[in-house]
C-alpha cells in the first residue's frame, strides 16, 4: 500500500528556481514507524514537496520501506525507472535524515528482548529514559524502565 501526496507552496518573490529537476540532489526525510513509514522530499525545481506513505513491513513488495520510498520518489522526480532490486542512485540524494519511533515504543511498552546495559560510574541515570511526557515546560520523569542493578 502506498499513498503519495504532492503539496504546493508559493515561491513568489523568493528567487527560487521553478525550472525542471535537472541533475541536482534531493534532500529527504524519513520517519519509520511501527505501522507506516513516511518519506518527505523537496525536489529541486519543483514548487512544494512530495510525500509518500508506505507500510513499514511489506516483505512481499520490498525489503526496506525507507529505501523503497526514496527509490519511488527518485523514480518519479527523474522520470527514470529504478528497479527494486537495483542500488538506489545515491548521487541524486543530497542527504537522508531518518527518525524512528520503533525502539522508543518498544522501551515504553516494555517489549522486546531482555537486555543488559553496563555503564561506568556516573552514568547510572541512563536507565531513567522516561516516557517523553512534558508538563508545560517541565519534564516529569516516569518510573524507571529497568531495574537499576542486577
Protein backbone atom coordinates (compact mmCIF):
# COMPACT_ATOMS: atom_id res chain seq x y z
CA UNK A 1 0.00 0.00 0.00
CA UNK A 2 1.38 3.41 -0.91
CA UNK A 3 -0.21 6.81 -0.58
CA UNK A 4 1.54 9.65 -2.37
CA UNK A 5 0.85 13.36 -1.98
CA UNK A 6 2.35 16.45 -3.57
CA UNK A 7 1.89 19.76 -1.78
CA UNK A 8 2.39 23.19 -3.29
CA UNK A 9 3.72 26.28 -1.61
CA UNK A 10 4.21 29.72 -3.00
CA UNK A 11 7.72 30.73 -4.00
CA UNK A 12 6.74 34.14 -5.37
CA UNK A 13 9.39 36.70 -4.60
CA UNK A 14 11.78 34.14 -3.09
CA UNK A 15 14.09 33.86 -6.08
CA UNK A 16 13.68 30.08 -6.12
CA UNK A 17 14.14 28.37 -9.45
CA UNK A 18 10.99 26.73 -10.77
CA UNK A 19 12.72 25.03 -13.72
CA UNK A 20 12.76 21.27 -14.21
CA UNK A 21 14.62 18.89 -11.90
CA UNK A 22 17.86 18.54 -13.95
CA UNK A 23 20.68 16.78 -12.05
CA UNK A 24 20.53 18.43 -8.64
CA UNK A 25 20.31 16.34 -5.49
CA UNK A 26 17.17 15.74 -3.43
CA UNK A 27 17.14 16.15 0.39
CA UNK A 28 14.93 13.50 2.04
CA UNK A 29 13.46 12.91 5.48
CA UNK A 30 12.04 9.58 6.62
CA UNK A 31 10.02 8.56 9.69
CA UNK A 32 10.00 4.78 10.14
CA UNK A 33 7.14 3.85 12.47
CA UNK A 34 5.79 0.51 13.61
CA UNK A 35 2.92 0.55 11.09
CA UNK A 36 3.76 3.17 8.46
CA UNK A 37 6.86 4.81 7.04
CA UNK A 38 6.61 8.40 5.78
CA UNK A 39 9.08 9.85 3.27
CA UNK A 40 9.32 13.61 2.58
CA UNK A 41 11.38 15.10 -0.24
CA UNK A 42 11.92 18.55 -1.72
CA UNK A 43 12.69 18.14 -5.40
CA UNK A 44 14.84 21.00 -6.77
CA UNK A 45 12.97 23.00 -9.38
CA UNK A 46 9.55 21.95 -8.11
CA UNK A 47 7.30 24.22 -6.10
CA UNK A 48 6.33 22.38 -2.93
CA UNK A 49 7.32 18.95 -1.71
CA UNK A 50 6.50 15.29 -2.16
CA UNK A 51 5.47 12.78 0.48
CA UNK A 52 4.94 9.06 0.36
CA UNK A 53 3.41 6.73 2.96
CA UNK A 54 4.23 3.01 2.89
CA UNK A 55 3.59 0.07 5.16
CA UNK A 56 6.70 -0.30 7.33
CA UNK A 57 6.61 -4.06 6.83
CA UNK A 58 5.60 -5.41 3.41
CA UNK A 59 8.09 -8.20 2.59
CA UNK A 60 6.12 -9.34 -0.46
CA UNK A 61 6.81 -5.97 -2.12
CA UNK A 62 10.02 -4.55 -0.61
CA UNK A 63 12.72 -5.29 1.94
CA UNK A 64 13.05 -1.79 3.41
CA UNK A 65 10.27 0.81 3.49
CA UNK A 66 12.59 3.86 3.80
CA UNK A 67 14.69 2.65 0.85
CA UNK A 68 11.58 1.86 -1.21
CA UNK A 69 10.05 5.26 -0.51
CA UNK A 70 13.21 7.11 -1.52
CA UNK A 71 13.51 4.89 -4.64
CA UNK A 72 9.95 5.73 -5.70
CA UNK A 73 10.38 9.46 -5.18
CA UNK A 74 13.65 9.44 -7.17
CA UNK A 75 11.95 7.46 -9.92
CA UNK A 76 9.06 9.97 -10.11
CA UNK A 77 11.32 13.03 -9.92
CA UNK A 78 13.84 11.89 -12.53
CA UNK A 79 11.45 10.04 -14.84
CA UNK A 80 13.96 7.18 -14.91
CA UNK A 81 12.98 3.66 -13.89
CA UNK A 82 14.91 2.33 -10.88
CA UNK A 83 14.33 -1.42 -10.46
CA UNK A 84 13.51 -2.54 -6.91
CA UNK A 85 16.49 -4.89 -6.80
CA UNK A 86 18.96 -2.30 -8.15
CA UNK A 87 21.02 0.03 -5.96
CA UNK A 88 19.38 3.39 -5.37
CA UNK A 89 21.42 6.07 -7.23
CA UNK A 90 22.70 7.92 -4.17
CA UNK A 91 24.36 10.61 -6.29
CA UNK A 92 20.84 12.06 -6.68
CA UNK A 93 20.31 12.24 -2.89
CA UNK A 94 21.63 15.30 -1.04
CA UNK A 95 21.05 13.72 2.39
CA UNK A 96 18.78 11.35 4.25
CA UNK A 97 17.50 12.24 7.71
CA UNK A 98 15.73 9.37 9.40
CA UNK A 99 13.85 9.08 12.64
CA UNK A 100 12.06 6.14 14.16
CA UNK A 101 9.59 5.51 16.94
CA UNK A 102 10.01 1.72 16.86
CA UNK A 103 12.73 1.49 19.54
CA UNK A 104 11.12 4.17 21.72
CA UNK A 105 7.78 2.36 21.60
CA UNK A 106 9.40 -0.97 22.49
CA UNK A 107 11.01 0.63 25.54
CA UNK A 108 7.86 2.42 26.65
CA UNK A 109 5.73 -0.70 26.21
CA UNK A 110 8.43 -2.76 27.93
CA UNK A 111 8.52 -5.03 24.90
CA UNK A 112 11.38 -6.68 23.07
CA UNK A 113 14.09 -8.96 24.35
CA UNK A 114 15.57 -8.66 27.86
CA UNK A 115 18.71 -6.59 27.56
CA UNK A 116 21.54 -5.63 29.89
CA UNK A 117 23.15 -2.21 29.97
CA UNK A 118 26.56 -1.94 31.59
CA UNK A 119 27.84 1.57 32.31
CA UNK A 120 30.73 3.12 34.15
CA UNK A 121 30.44 5.25 37.26
CA UNK A 122 28.46 8.42 36.73
CA UNK A 123 26.13 7.09 34.02
CA UNK A 124 23.56 5.21 36.13
CA UNK A 125 20.88 7.78 35.22
CA UNK A 126 20.85 6.45 31.65
CA UNK A 127 18.25 3.92 32.81
CA UNK A 128 15.76 6.72 33.58
CA UNK A 129 14.70 7.14 29.96
CA UNK A 130 11.17 8.23 30.81
CA UNK A 131 8.16 8.44 28.57
CA UNK A 132 8.88 11.75 26.83
CA UNK A 133 5.87 13.37 28.57
CA UNK A 134 6.14 17.07 29.38
CA UNK A 135 4.02 19.09 31.78
CA UNK A 136 4.23 22.53 30.23
CA UNK A 137 7.92 23.36 30.13
CA UNK A 138 8.90 20.96 32.91
CA UNK A 139 9.80 17.33 32.25
CA UNK A 140 8.09 14.92 34.64
CA UNK A 141 10.11 11.71 34.94
CA UNK A 142 8.27 8.39 34.93
CA UNK A 143 9.13 5.16 36.72
CA UNK A 144 12.41 3.63 35.52
CA UNK A 145 12.06 1.25 32.59
CA UNK A 146 14.52 -1.20 34.11
CA UNK A 147 15.93 -2.30 37.43
CA UNK A 148 18.99 -0.21 38.36
CA UNK A 149 21.04 -3.23 39.50
CA UNK A 150 21.41 -6.93 38.81
